[in-house]
Amino acid sequence: MELLFKRWKSQGKIDQSRSGKPWRVLCEIYAKLLAMVVQQWVVLASWGTAAARSWWKAARKVRQHALHLASVLGKVGALRQVLRLLQRCLQRCPRLNKRRKRPATFQLLLQPNIVQRWS
């Protein structure tokens, strides 16, 4: 949970506001949290548990299509088409580079026989 909120804070700028008015700040926080939930849902629905792909690049791709996604929210057929388009775009997102010196967690989980020295 902590890592998820950390990602949302850095990607969605949840902790930043351009206003000093408390109600505006609260409304902005709720809107950003809602956007991050939708972004997370779209990435998960498109990928499932693809650990070897770049979440940062996928999230950026979803944000690029955010207005398109928001414009079809009331139309089920059009929403399906936009989600399919996003899914195709996300399937082309690059994979993470494998690290030899300090393997990523997904690499360690896929190859449990690797002995890791902790420094």
PDB file of N, CA and C in Angstrom:
ATOM      1  N   MET A   1       0.822  -1.187   0.000  1.00  0.00           N
ATOM      2  CA  MET A   1       0.000   0.000   0.000  1.00  0.00           C
ATOM      3  C   MET A   1       0.868   1.254   0.000  1.00  0.00           C
ATOM      4  N   GLU A   2       1.923   1.209   0.815  1.00  0.00           N
ATOM      5  CA  GLU A   2       2.810   2.360   0.900  1.00  0.00           C
ATOM      6  C   GLU A   2       3.450   2.684  -0.441  1.00  0.00           C
ATOM      7  N   LEU A   3       3.888   1.644  -1.149  1.00  0.00           N
ATOM      8  CA  LEU A   3       4.525   1.855  -2.448  1.00  0.00           C
ATOM      9  C   LEU A   3       3.532   2.396  -3.469  1.00  0.00           C
ATOM     10  N   LEU A   4       2.285   1.947  -3.367  1.00  0.00           N
ATOM     11  CA  LEU A   4       1.262   2.437  -4.280  1.00  0.00           C
ATOM     12  C   LEU A   4       1.029   3.931  -4.073  1.00  0.00           C
ATOM     13  N   PHE A   5       0.893   4.352  -2.822  1.00  0.00           N
ATOM     14  CA  PHE A   5       0.684   5.776  -2.552  1.00  0.00           C
ATOM     15  C   PHE A   5       1.932   6.589  -2.898  1.00  0.00           C
ATOM     16  N   LYS A   6       3.092   6.002  -2.728  1.00  0.00           N
ATOM     17  CA  LYS A   6       4.329   6.692  -3.115  1.00  0.00           C
ATOM     18  C   LYS A   6       4.331   6.938  -4.622  1.00  0.00           C
ATOM     19  N   ARG A   7       3.923   5.925  -5.390  1.00  0.00           N
ATOM     20  CA  ARG A   7       3.847   6.078  -6.845  1.00  0.00           C
ATOM     21  C   ARG A   7       2.804   7.134  -7.214  1.00  0.00           C
ATOM     22  N   TRP A   8       1.656   7.091  -6.570  1.00  0.00           N
ATOM     23  CA  TRP A   8       0.615   8.061  -6.865  1.00  0.00           C
ATOM     24  C   TRP A   8       1.061   9.476  -6.528  1.00  0.00           C
ATOM     25  N   LYS A   9       1.806   9.616  -5.434  1.00  0.00           N
ATOM     26  CA  LYS A   9       2.300  10.929  -5.044  1.00  0.00           C
ATOM     27  C   LYS A   9       3.260  11.482  -6.088  1.00  0.00           C
ATOM     28  N   SER A  10       4.138  10.641  -6.591  1.00  0.00           N
ATOM     29  CA  SER A  10       5.118  11.131  -7.553  1.00  0.00           C
ATOM     30  C   SER A  10       4.523  11.287  -8.951  1.00  0.00           C
ATOM     31  N   GLN A  11       3.633  10.399  -9.350  1.00  0.00           N
ATOM     32  CA  GLN A  11       3.047  10.498 -10.686  1.00  0.00           C
ATOM     33  C   GLN A  11       1.896  11.492 -10.749  1.00  0.00           C
ATOM     34  N   GLY A  12       1.033  11.460  -9.753  1.00  0.00           N
ATOM     35  CA  GLY A  12      -0.171  12.278  -9.786  1.00  0.00           C
ATOM     36  C   GLY A  12      -0.064  13.596  -9.063  1.00  0.00           C
ATOM     37  N   LYS A  13       1.089  13.838  -8.451  1.00  0.00           N
ATOM     38  CA  LYS A  13       1.305  15.092  -7.714  1.00  0.00           C
ATOM     39  C   LYS A  13       0.191  15.322  -6.692  1.00  0.00           C
ATOM     40  N   ILE A  14      -0.191  14.262  -6.003  1.00  0.00           N
ATOM     41  CA  ILE A  14      -1.280  14.331  -5.031  1.00  0.00           C
ATOM     42  C   ILE A  14      -0.952  15.274  -3.885  1.00  0.00           C
ATOM     43  N   ASP A  15       0.306  15.381  -3.527  1.00  0.00           N
ATOM     44  CA  ASP A  15       0.701  16.201  -2.386  1.00  0.00           C
ATOM     45  C   ASP A  15       0.928  17.672  -2.749  1.00  0.00           C
ATOM     46  N   GLN A  16       0.645  18.060  -3.990  1.00  0.00           N
ATOM     47  CA  GLN A  16       0.861  19.440  -4.423  1.00  0.00           C
ATOM     48  C   GLN A  16      -0.459  20.080  -4.828  1.00  0.00           C
ATOM     49  N   SER A  17      -0.584  21.369  -4.518  1.00  0.00           N
ATOM     50  CA  SER A  17      -1.777  22.112  -4.917  1.00  0.00           C
ATOM     51  C   SER A  17      -1.383  23.540  -5.267  1.00  0.00           C
ATOM     52  N   ARG A  18      -2.126  24.118  -6.187  1.00  0.00           N
ATOM     53  CA  ARG A  18      -1.852  25.503  -6.585  1.00  0.00           C
ATOM     54  C   ARG A  18      -2.720  26.490  -5.819  1.00  0.00           C
ATOM     55  N   SER A  19      -3.545  26.002  -4.921  1.00  0.00           N
ATOM     56  CA  SER A  19      -4.468  26.865  -4.207  1.00  0.00           C
ATOM     57  C   SER A  19      -4.157  26.879  -2.716  1.00  0.00           C
ATOM     58  N   GLY A  20      -4.567  27.936  -2.069  1.00  0.00           N
ATOM     59  CA  GLY A  20      -4.424  28.026  -0.618  1.00  0.00           C
ATOM     60  C   GLY A  20      -5.764  27.853   0.079  1.00  0.00           C
ATOM     61  N   LYS A  21      -6.835  27.753  -0.704  1.00  0.00           N
ATOM     62  CA  LYS A  21      -8.178  27.616  -0.131  1.00  0.00           C
ATOM     63  C   LYS A  21      -8.412  26.156   0.245  1.00  0.00           C
ATOM     64  N   PRO A  22      -8.774  25.883   1.486  1.00  0.00           N
ATOM     65  CA  PRO A  22      -8.904  24.494   1.954  1.00  0.00           C
ATOM     66  C   PRO A  22      -9.878  23.642   1.136  1.00  0.00           C
ATOM     67  N   TRP A  23     -11.019  24.191   0.743  1.00  0.00           N
ATOM     68  CA  TRP A  23     -12.006  23.390   0.001  1.00  0.00           C
ATOM     69  C   TRP A  23     -11.511  23.061  -1.398  1.00  0.00           C
ATOM     70  N   ARG A  24     -10.806  24.011  -1.979  1.00  0.00           N
ATOM     71  CA  ARG A  24     -10.248  23.757  -3.316  1.00  0.00           C
ATOM     72  C   ARG A  24      -9.150  22.686  -3.262  1.00  0.00           C
ATOM     73  N   VAL A  25      -8.321  22.767  -2.226  1.00  0.00           N
ATOM     74  CA  VAL A  25      -7.250  21.788  -2.051  1.00  0.00           C
ATOM     75  C   VAL A  25      -7.845  20.401  -1.848  1.00  0.00           C
ATOM     76  N   LEU A  26      -8.884  20.303  -1.009  1.00  0.00           N
ATOM     77  CA  LEU A  26      -9.534  19.018  -0.757  1.00  0.00           C
ATOM     78  C   LEU A  26     -10.163  18.453  -2.028  1.00  0.00           C
ATOM     79  N   CYS A  27     -10.822  19.309  -2.803  1.00  0.00           N
ATOM     80  CA  CYS A  27     -11.426  18.873  -4.064  1.00  0.00           C
ATOM     81  C   CYS A  27     -10.350  18.394  -5.038  1.00  0.00           C
ATOM     82  N   GLU A  28      -9.230  19.113  -5.068  1.00  0.00           N
ATOM     83  CA  GLU A  28      -8.128  18.739  -5.948  1.00  0.00           C
ATOM     84  C   GLU A  28      -7.527  17.392  -5.538  1.00  0.00           C
ATOM     85  N   ILE A  29      -7.389  17.157  -4.251  1.00  0.00           N
ATOM     86  CA  ILE A  29      -6.858  15.881  -3.759  1.00  0.00           C
ATOM     87  C   ILE A  29      -7.783  14.735  -4.159  1.00  0.00           C
ATOM     88  N   TYR A  30      -9.089  14.911  -3.956  1.00  0.00           N
ATOM     89  CA  TYR A  30     -10.041  13.859  -4.335  1.00  0.00           C
ATOM     90  C   TYR A  30     -10.003  13.582  -5.834  1.00  0.00           C
ATOM     91  N   ALA A  31      -9.929  14.636  -6.640  1.00  0.00           N
ATOM     92  CA  ALA A  31      -9.882  14.458  -8.096  1.00  0.00           C
ATOM     93  C   ALA A  31      -8.610  13.718  -8.518  1.00  0.00           C
ATOM     94  N   LYS A  32      -7.490  14.063  -7.916  1.00  0.00           N
ATOM     95  CA  LYS A  32      -6.231  13.403  -8.254  1.00  0.00           C
ATOM     96  C   LYS A  32      -6.228  11.943  -7.798  1.00  0.00           C
ATOM     97  N   LEU A  33      -6.783  11.683  -6.604  1.00  0.00           N
ATOM     98  CA  LEU A  33      -6.872  10.299  -6.131  1.00  0.00           C
ATOM     99  C   LEU A  33      -7.753   9.467  -7.054  1.00  0.00           C
ATOM    100  N   LEU A  34      -8.863  10.028  -7.469  1.00  0.00           N
ATOM    101  CA  LEU A  34      -9.757   9.329  -8.392  1.00  0.00           C
ATOM    102  C   LEU A  34      -9.051   9.048  -9.715  1.00  0.00           C
ATOM    103  N   ALA A  35      -8.297  10.016 -10.213  1.00  0.00           N
ATOM    104  CA  ALA A  35      -7.550   9.818 -11.456  1.00  0.00           C
ATOM    105  C   ALA A  35      -6.507   8.713 -11.294  1.00  0.00           C
ATOM    106  N   MET A  36      -5.847   8.657 -10.157  1.00  0.00           N
ATOM    107  CA  MET A  36      -4.836   7.622  -9.929  1.00  0.00           C
ATOM    108  C   MET A  36      -5.479   6.236  -9.817  1.00  0.00           C
ATOM    109  N   VAL A  37      -6.662   6.160  -9.224  1.00  0.00           N
ATOM    110  CA  VAL A  37      -7.374   4.872  -9.138  1.00  0.00           C
ATOM    111  C   VAL A  37      -7.756   4.402 -10.535  1.00  0.00           C
ATOM    112  N   VAL A  38      -8.271   5.304 -11.364  1.00  0.00           N
ATOM    113  CA  VAL A  38      -8.638   4.941 -12.739  1.00  0.00           C
ATOM    114  C   VAL A  38      -7.397   4.521 -13.519  1.00  0.00           C
ATOM    115  N   GLN A  39      -6.303   5.270 -13.362  1.00  0.00           N
ATOM    116  CA  GLN A  39      -5.061   4.926 -14.045  1.00  0.00           C
ATOM    117  C   GLN A  39      -4.590   3.537 -13.626  1.00  0.00           C
ATOM    118  N   GLN A  40      -4.598   3.256 -12.339  1.00  0.00           N
ATOM    119  CA  GLN A  40      -4.163   1.951 -11.833  1.00  0.00           C
ATOM    120  C   GLN A  40      -5.066   0.842 -12.376  1.00  0.00           C
ATOM    121  N   TRP A  41      -6.370   1.098 -12.409  1.00  0.00           N
ATOM    122  CA  TRP A  41      -7.324   0.109 -12.895  1.00  0.00           C
ATOM    123  C   TRP A  41      -7.081  -0.199 -14.369  1.00  0.00           C
ATOM    124  N   VAL A  42      -6.861   0.839 -15.172  1.00  0.00           N
ATOM    125  CA  VAL A  42      -6.644   0.627 -16.606  1.00  0.00           C
ATOM    126  C   VAL A  42      -5.367  -0.176 -16.843  1.00  0.00           C
ATOM    127  N   VAL A  43      -4.300   0.166 -16.133  1.00  0.00           N
ATOM    128  CA  VAL A  43      -3.038  -0.563 -16.311  1.00  0.00           C
ATOM    129  C   VAL A  43      -3.205  -2.015 -15.876  1.00  0.00           C
ATOM    130  N   LEU A  44      -3.820  -2.240 -14.730  1.00  0.00           N
ATOM    131  CA  LEU A  44      -4.017  -3.618 -14.256  1.00  0.00           C
ATOM    132  C   LEU A  44      -4.934  -4.413 -15.169  1.00  0.00           C
ATOM    133  N   ALA A  45      -5.994  -3.779 -15.658  1.00  0.00           N
ATOM    134  CA  ALA A  45      -6.929  -4.478 -16.547  1.00  0.00           C
ATOM    135  C   ALA A  45      -6.266  -4.823 -17.880  1.00  0.00           C
ATOM    136  N   SER A  46      -5.328  -4.011 -18.300  1.00  0.00           N
ATOM    137  CA  SER A  46      -4.657  -4.254 -19.574  1.00  0.00           C
ATOM    138  C   SER A  46      -3.528  -5.263 -19.457  1.00  0.00           C
ATOM    139  N   TRP A  47      -2.856  -5.288 -18.326  1.00  0.00           N
ATOM    140  CA  TRP A  47      -1.678  -6.128 -18.166  1.00  0.00           C
ATOM    141  C   TRP A  47      -1.866  -7.345 -17.290  1.00  0.00           C
ATOM    142  N   GLY A  48      -2.732  -7.234 -16.298  1.00  0.00           N
ATOM    143  CA  GLY A  48      -2.776  -8.291 -15.292  1.00  0.00           C
ATOM    144  C   GLY A  48      -1.600  -8.127 -14.351  1.00  0.00           C
ATOM    145  N   THR A  49      -0.779  -9.134 -14.256  1.00  0.00           N
ATOM    146  CA  THR A  49       0.355  -9.062 -13.331  1.00  0.00           C
ATOM    147  C   THR A  49       1.678  -9.099 -14.089  1.00  0.00           C
ATOM    148  N   ALA A  50       1.814  -8.291 -15.088  1.00  0.00           N
ATOM    149  CA  ALA A  50       3.042  -8.252 -15.889  1.00  0.00           C
ATOM    150  C   ALA A  50       4.116  -7.474 -15.139  1.00  0.00           C
ATOM    151  N   ALA A  51       4.871  -8.165 -14.323  1.00  0.00           N
ATOM    152  CA  ALA A  51       5.866  -7.514 -13.476  1.00  0.00           C
ATOM    153  C   ALA A  51       7.056  -6.990 -14.263  1.00  0.00           C
ATOM    154  N   ALA A  52       7.313  -7.548 -15.408  1.00  0.00           N
ATOM    155  CA  ALA A  52       8.518  -7.187 -16.152  1.00  0.00           C
ATOM    156  C   ALA A  52       8.320  -5.991 -17.083  1.00  0.00           C
ATOM    157  N   ARG A  53       7.239  -5.273 -16.933  1.00  0.00           N
ATOM    158  CA  ARG A  53       6.987  -4.109 -17.780  1.00  0.00           C
ATOM    159  C   ARG A  53       7.118  -2.824 -16.972  1.00  0.00           C
ATOM    160  N   SER A  54       7.349  -1.733 -17.655  1.00  0.00           N
ATOM    161  CA  SER A  54       7.560  -0.447 -17.010  1.00  0.00           C
ATOM    162  C   SER A  54       6.223   0.202 -16.636  1.00  0.00           C
ATOM    163  N   TRP A  55       5.955   0.243 -15.338  1.00  0.00           N
ATOM    164  CA  TRP A  55       4.718   0.865 -14.848  1.00  0.00           C
ATOM    165  C   TRP A  55       4.727   2.362 -15.097  1.00  0.00           C
ATOM    166  N   TRP A  56       5.878   2.992 -15.005  1.00  0.00           N
ATOM    167  CA  TRP A  56       5.969   4.433 -15.212  1.00  0.00           C
ATOM    168  C   TRP A  56       5.574   4.797 -16.638  1.00  0.00           C
ATOM    169  N   LYS A  57       6.059   4.039 -17.596  1.00  0.00           N
ATOM    170  CA  LYS A  57       5.743   4.327 -18.993  1.00  0.00           C
ATOM    171  C   LYS A  57       4.282   4.007 -19.301  1.00  0.00           C
ATOM    172  N   ALA A  58       3.765   2.951 -18.687  1.00  0.00           N
ATOM    173  CA  ALA A  58       2.351   2.610 -18.881  1.00  0.00           C
ATOM    174  C   ALA A  58       1.447   3.695 -18.301  1.00  0.00           C
ATOM    175  N   ALA A  59       1.799   4.173 -17.124  1.00  0.00           N
ATOM    176  CA  ALA A  59       0.997   5.233 -16.501  1.00  0.00           C
ATOM    177  C   ALA A  59       1.029   6.501 -17.337  1.00  0.00           C
ATOM    178  N   ARG A  60       2.189   6.813 -17.895  1.00  0.00           N
ATOM    179  CA  ARG A  60       2.304   7.989 -18.760  1.00  0.00           C
ATOM    180  C   ARG A  60       1.396   7.846 -19.976  1.00  0.00           C
ATOM    181  N   LYS A  61       1.358   6.632 -20.544  1.00  0.00           N
ATOM    182  CA  LYS A  61       0.516   6.376 -21.721  1.00  0.00           C
ATOM    183  C   LYS A  61      -0.960   6.559 -21.363  1.00  0.00           C
ATOM    184  N   VAL A  62      -1.380   6.083 -20.198  1.00  0.00           N
ATOM    185  CA  VAL A  62      -2.773   6.247 -19.761  1.00  0.00           C
ATOM    186  C   VAL A  62      -3.085   7.732 -19.579  1.00  0.00           C
ATOM    187  N   ARG A  63      -2.156   8.485 -18.979  1.00  0.00           N
ATOM    188  CA  ARG A  63      -2.380   9.925 -18.791  1.00  0.00           C
ATOM    189  C   ARG A  63      -2.480  10.648 -20.127  1.00  0.00           C
ATOM    190  N   GLN A  64      -1.746  10.184 -21.147  1.00  0.00           N
ATOM    191  CA  GLN A  64      -1.826  10.802 -22.464  1.00  0.00           C
ATOM    192  C   GLN A  64      -3.214  10.625 -23.077  1.00  0.00           C
ATOM    193  N   HIS A  65      -3.882   9.523 -22.730  1.00  0.00           N
ATOM    194  CA  HIS A  65      -5.217   9.246 -23.260  1.00  0.00           C
ATOM    195  C   HIS A  65      -6.327   9.624 -22.280  1.00  0.00           C
ATOM    196  N   ALA A  66      -6.007  10.349 -21.232  1.00  0.00           N
ATOM    197  CA  ALA A  66      -6.986  10.655 -20.181  1.00  0.00           C
ATOM    198  C   ALA A  66      -8.182  11.452 -20.701  1.00  0.00           C
ATOM    199  N   LEU A  67      -7.953  12.470 -21.515  1.00  0.00           N
ATOM    200  CA  LEU A  67      -9.071  13.264 -22.037  1.00  0.00           C
ATOM    201  C   LEU A  67      -9.960  12.427 -22.946  1.00  0.00           C
ATOM    202  N   HIS A  68      -9.352  11.590 -23.745  1.00  0.00           N
ATOM    203  CA  HIS A  68     -10.113  10.702 -24.617  1.00  0.00           C
ATOM    204  C   HIS A  68     -10.967   9.753 -23.774  1.00  0.00           C
ATOM    205  N   LEU A  69     -10.373   9.215 -22.729  1.00  0.00           N
ATOM    206  CA  LEU A  69     -11.081   8.310 -21.827  1.00  0.00           C
ATOM    207  C   LEU A  69     -12.230   9.032 -21.123  1.00  0.00           C
ATOM    208  N   ALA A  70     -11.977  10.245 -20.641  1.00  0.00           N
ATOM    209  CA  ALA A  70     -13.017  11.013 -19.945  1.00  0.00           C
ATOM    210  C   ALA A  70     -14.154  11.416 -20.871  1.00  0.00           C
ATOM    211  N   SER A  71     -13.868  11.637 -22.141  1.00  0.00           N
ATOM    212  CA  SER A  71     -14.902  12.086 -23.076  1.00  0.00           C
ATOM    213  C   SER A  71     -15.909  10.997 -23.421  1.00  0.00           C
ATOM    214  N   VAL A  72     -15.575   9.730 -23.177  1.00  0.00           N
ATOM    215  CA  VAL A  72     -16.487   8.640 -23.536  1.00  0.00           C
ATOM    216  C   VAL A  72     -17.066   7.927 -22.307  1.00  0.00           C
ATOM    217  N   LEU A  73     -16.968   8.534 -21.143  1.00  0.00           N
ATOM    218  CA  LEU A  73     -17.420   7.859 -19.921  1.00  0.00           C
ATOM    219  C   LEU A  73     -18.894   7.498 -19.933  1.00  0.00           C
ATOM    220  N   GLY A  74     -19.739   8.287 -20.561  1.00  0.00           N
ATOM    221  CA  GLY A  74     -21.167   7.994 -20.582  1.00  0.00           C
ATOM    222  C   GLY A  74     -21.597   7.035 -21.679  1.00  0.00           C
ATOM    223  N   LYS A  75     -20.694   6.665 -22.548  1.00  0.00           N
ATOM    224  CA  LYS A  75     -21.034   5.837 -23.710  1.00  0.00           C
ATOM    225  C   LYS A  75     -20.296   4.501 -23.611  1.00  0.00           C
ATOM    226  N   VAL A  76     -21.025   3.439 -23.356  1.00  0.00           N
ATOM    227  CA  VAL A  76     -20.420   2.129 -23.094  1.00  0.00           C
ATOM    228  C   VAL A  76     -19.639   1.612 -24.294  1.00  0.00           C
ATOM    229  N   GLY A  77     -20.202   1.688 -25.485  1.00  0.00           N
ATOM    230  CA  GLY A  77     -19.533   1.180 -26.680  1.00  0.00           C
ATOM    231  C   GLY A  77     -18.245   1.932 -26.966  1.00  0.00           C
ATOM    232  N   ALA A  78     -18.302   3.251 -26.887  1.00  0.00           N
ATOM    233  CA  ALA A  78     -17.119   4.064 -27.135  1.00  0.00           C
ATOM    234  C   ALA A  78     -16.065   3.844 -26.053  1.00  0.00           C
ATOM    235  N   LEU A  79     -16.509   3.639 -24.815  1.00  0.00           N
ATOM    236  CA  LEU A  79     -15.583   3.368 -23.717  1.00  0.00           C
ATOM    237  C   LEU A  79     -14.833   2.057 -23.954  1.00  0.00           C
ATOM    238  N   ARG A  80     -15.558   1.043 -24.422  1.00  0.00           N
ATOM    239  CA  ARG A  80     -14.909  -0.236 -24.748  1.00  0.00           C
ATOM    240  C   ARG A  80     -13.831  -0.052 -25.818  1.00  0.00           C
ATOM    241  N   GLN A  81     -14.150   0.747 -26.834  1.00  0.00           N
ATOM    242  CA  GLN A  81     -13.178   0.979 -27.906  1.00  0.00           C
ATOM    243  C   GLN A  81     -11.930   1.692 -27.393  1.00  0.00           C
ATOM    244  N   VAL A  82     -12.121   2.696 -26.537  1.00  0.00           N
ATOM    245  CA  VAL A  82     -10.976   3.427 -25.992  1.00  0.00           C
ATOM    246  C   VAL A  82     -10.146   2.509 -25.097  1.00  0.00           C
ATOM    247  N   LEU A  83     -10.809   1.674 -24.304  1.00  0.00           N
ATOM    248  CA  LEU A  83     -10.075   0.742 -23.442  1.00  0.00           C
ATOM    249  C   LEU A  83      -9.306  -0.290 -24.262  1.00  0.00           C
ATOM    250  N   ARG A  84      -9.879  -0.747 -25.362  1.00  0.00           N
ATOM    251  CA  ARG A  84      -9.154  -1.665 -26.248  1.00  0.00           C
ATOM    252  C   ARG A  84      -7.936  -0.978 -26.868  1.00  0.00           C
ATOM    253  N   LEU A  85      -8.118   0.272 -27.283  1.00  0.00           N
ATOM    254  CA  LEU A  85      -7.007   1.048 -27.830  1.00  0.00           C
ATOM    255  C   LEU A  85      -5.893   1.192 -26.793  1.00  0.00           C
ATOM    256  N   LEU A  86      -6.277   1.529 -25.576  1.00  0.00           N
ATOM    257  CA  LEU A  86      -5.296   1.653 -24.500  1.00  0.00           C
ATOM    258  C   LEU A  86      -4.605   0.329 -24.218  1.00  0.00           C
ATOM    259  N   GLN A  87      -5.372  -0.746 -24.269  1.00  0.00           N
ATOM    260  CA  GLN A  87      -4.781  -2.060 -24.030  1.00  0.00           C
ATOM    261  C   GLN A  87      -3.724  -2.382 -25.087  1.00  0.00           C
ATOM    262  N   ARG A  88      -4.033  -2.084 -26.352  1.00  0.00           N
ATOM    263  CA  ARG A  88      -3.046  -2.320 -27.413  1.00  0.00           C
ATOM    264  C   ARG A  88      -1.807  -1.452 -27.221  1.00  0.00           C
ATOM    265  N   CYS A  89      -2.017  -0.200 -26.827  1.00  0.00           N
ATOM    266  CA  CYS A  89      -0.878   0.699 -26.576  1.00  0.00           C
ATOM    267  C   CYS A  89      -0.023   0.189 -25.417  1.00  0.00           C
ATOM    268  N   LEU A  90      -0.682  -0.279 -24.368  1.00  0.00           N
ATOM    269  CA  LEU A  90       0.053  -0.738 -23.189  1.00  0.00           C
ATOM    270  C   LEU A  90       0.766  -2.058 -23.444  1.00  0.00           C
ATOM    271  N   GLN A  91       0.220  -2.882 -24.329  1.00  0.00           N
ATOM    272  CA  GLN A  91       0.906  -4.132 -24.647  1.00  0.00           C
ATOM    273  C   GLN A  91       2.230  -3.873 -25.342  1.00  0.00           C
ATOM    274  N   ARG A  92       2.343  -2.712 -25.971  1.00  0.00           N
ATOM    275  CA  ARG A  92       3.589  -2.354 -26.652  1.00  0.00           C
ATOM    276  C   ARG A  92       4.562  -1.626 -25.738  1.00  0.00           C
ATOM    277  N   CYS A  93       4.171  -1.376 -24.484  1.00  0.00           N
ATOM    278  CA  CYS A  93       5.085  -0.707 -23.549  1.00  0.00           C
ATOM    279  C   CYS A  93       6.322  -1.565 -23.360  1.00  0.00           C
ATOM    280  N   PRO A  94       7.449  -0.941 -23.285  1.00  0.00           N
ATOM    281  CA  PRO A  94       8.693  -1.712 -23.189  1.00  0.00           C
ATOM    282  C   PRO A  94       8.821  -2.469 -21.878  1.00  0.00           C
ATOM    283  N   ARG A  95       9.561  -3.541 -21.966  1.00  0.00           N
ATOM    284  CA  ARG A  95       9.863  -4.331 -20.778  1.00  0.00           C
ATOM    285  C   ARG A  95      10.990  -3.650 -20.002  1.00  0.00           C
ATOM    286  N   LEU A  96      11.082  -3.984 -18.739  1.00  0.00           N
ATOM    287  CA  LEU A  96      12.179  -3.487 -17.917  1.00  0.00           C
ATOM    288  C   LEU A  96      13.464  -4.199 -18.306  1.00  0.00           C
ATOM    289  N   ASN A  97      14.546  -3.494 -18.236  1.00  0.00           N
ATOM    290  CA  ASN A  97      15.836  -4.109 -18.498  1.00  0.00           C
ATOM    291  C   ASN A  97      16.218  -5.005 -17.325  1.00  0.00           C
ATOM    292  N   LYS A  98      16.759  -6.162 -17.647  1.00  0.00           N
ATOM    293  CA  LYS A  98      17.211  -7.054 -16.584  1.00  0.00           C
ATOM    294  C   LYS A  98      18.519  -6.522 -16.031  1.00  0.00           C
ATOM    295  N   ARG A  99      18.607  -6.549 -14.717  1.00  0.00           N
ATOM    296  CA  ARG A  99      19.809  -6.050 -14.056  1.00  0.00           C
ATOM    297  C   ARG A  99      20.640  -7.225 -13.575  1.00  0.00           C
ATOM    298  N   ARG A 100      21.926  -7.188 -13.868  1.00  0.00           N
ATOM    299  CA  ARG A 100      22.806  -8.283 -13.473  1.00  0.00           C
ATOM    300  C   ARG A 100      23.370  -8.082 -12.068  1.00  0.00           C
ATOM    301  N   LYS A 101      23.823  -6.871 -11.746  1.00  0.00           N
ATOM    302  CA  LYS A 101      24.436  -6.642 -10.436  1.00  0.00           C
ATOM    303  C   LYS A 101      23.426  -6.714  -9.305  1.00  0.00           C
ATOM    304  N   ARG A 102      22.361  -5.963  -9.437  1.00  0.00           N
ATOM    305  CA  ARG A 102      21.319  -5.954  -8.413  1.00  0.00           C
ATOM    306  C   ARG A 102      19.990  -6.275  -9.089  1.00  0.00           C
ATOM    307  N   PRO A 103      19.646  -7.557  -9.184  1.00  0.00           N
ATOM    308  CA  PRO A 103      18.411  -7.941  -9.889  1.00  0.00           C
ATOM    309  C   PRO A 103      17.171  -7.316  -9.245  1.00  0.00           C
ATOM    310  N   ALA A 104      16.207  -7.006 -10.078  1.00  0.00           N
ATOM    311  CA  ALA A 104      14.931  -6.483  -9.589  1.00  0.00           C
ATOM    312  C   ALA A 104      14.171  -7.595  -8.872  1.00  0.00           C
ATOM    313  N   THR A 105      13.181  -7.219  -8.103  1.00  0.00           N
ATOM    314  CA  THR A 105      12.419  -8.193  -7.331  1.00  0.00           C
ATOM    315  C   THR A 105      11.771  -9.230  -8.229  1.00  0.00           C
ATOM    316  N   PHE A 106      11.211  -8.791  -9.363  1.00  0.00           N
ATOM    317  CA  PHE A 106      10.559  -9.762 -10.245  1.00  0.00           C
ATOM    318  C   PHE A 106      11.563 -10.768 -10.794  1.00  0.00           C
ATOM    319  N   GLN A 107      12.823 -10.343 -10.992  1.00  0.00           N
ATOM    320  CA  GLN A 107      13.831 -11.276 -11.458  1.00  0.00           C
ATOM    321  C   GLN A 107      14.156 -12.314 -10.380  1.00  0.00           C
ATOM    322  N   LEU A 108      14.260 -11.864  -9.149  1.00  0.00           N
ATOM    323  CA  LEU A 108      14.544 -12.783  -8.050  1.00  0.00           C
ATOM    324  C   LEU A 108      13.409 -13.777  -7.849  1.00  0.00           C
ATOM    325  N   LEU A 109      12.177 -13.314  -8.015  1.00  0.00           N
ATOM    326  CA  LEU A 109      11.028 -14.207  -7.839  1.00  0.00           C
ATOM    327  C   LEU A 109      10.921 -15.227  -8.969  1.00  0.00           C
ATOM    328  N   LEU A 110      11.325 -14.822 -10.177  1.00  0.00           N
ATOM    329  CA  LEU A 110      11.275 -15.747 -11.308  1.00  0.00           C
ATOM    330  C   LEU A 110      12.407 -16.758 -11.277  1.00  0.00           C
ATOM    331  N   GLN A 111      13.511 -16.409 -10.633  1.00  0.00           N
ATOM    332  CA  GLN A 111      14.662 -17.314 -10.538  1.00  0.00           C
ATOM    333  C   GLN A 111      15.096 -17.425  -9.082  1.00  0.00           C
ATOM    334  N   PRO A 112      14.386 -18.224  -8.295  1.00  0.00           N
ATOM    335  CA  PRO A 112      14.678 -18.290  -6.862  1.00  0.00           C
ATOM    336  C   PRO A 112      16.028 -18.923  -6.537  1.00  0.00           C
ATOM    337  N   ASN A 113      16.682 -19.543  -7.505  1.00  0.00           N
ATOM    338  CA  ASN A 113      17.963 -20.185  -7.224  1.00  0.00           C
ATOM    339  C   ASN A 113      19.131 -19.199  -7.252  1.00  0.00           C
ATOM    340  N   ILE A 114      18.879 -17.933  -7.573  1.00  0.00           N
ATOM    341  CA  ILE A 114      19.934 -16.924  -7.572  1.00  0.00           C
ATOM    342  C   ILE A 114      20.292 -16.599  -6.133  1.00  0.00           C
ATOM    343  N   VAL A 115      21.559 -16.693  -5.808  1.00  0.00           N
ATOM    344  CA  VAL A 115      22.025 -16.329  -4.479  1.00  0.00           C
ATOM    345  C   VAL A 115      22.411 -14.857  -4.519  1.00  0.00           C
ATOM    346  N   GLN A 116      21.807 -14.077  -3.654  1.00  0.00           N
ATOM    347  CA  GLN A 116      22.020 -12.636  -3.651  1.00  0.00           C
ATOM    348  C   GLN A 116      22.874 -12.239  -2.452  1.00  0.00           C
ATOM    349  N   ARG A 117      23.936 -11.484  -2.709  1.00  0.00           N
ATOM    350  CA  ARG A 117      24.726 -10.927  -1.621  1.00  0.00           C
ATOM    351  C   ARG A 117      24.181  -9.550  -1.299  1.00  0.00           C
ATOM    352  N   TRP A 118      23.886  -9.320  -0.046  1.00  0.00           N
ATOM    353  CA  TRP A 118      23.369  -8.022   0.379  1.00  0.00           C
ATOM    354  C   TRP A 118      24.511  -7.172   0.875  1.00  0.00           C
ATOM    355  N   SER A 119      24.590  -5.966   0.393  1.00  0.00           N
ATOM    356  CA  SER A 119      25.679  -5.082   0.820  1.00  0.00           C
ATOM    357  C   SER A 119      25.187  -4.027   1.768  1.00  0.00           C
TER     358      SER A 119
END
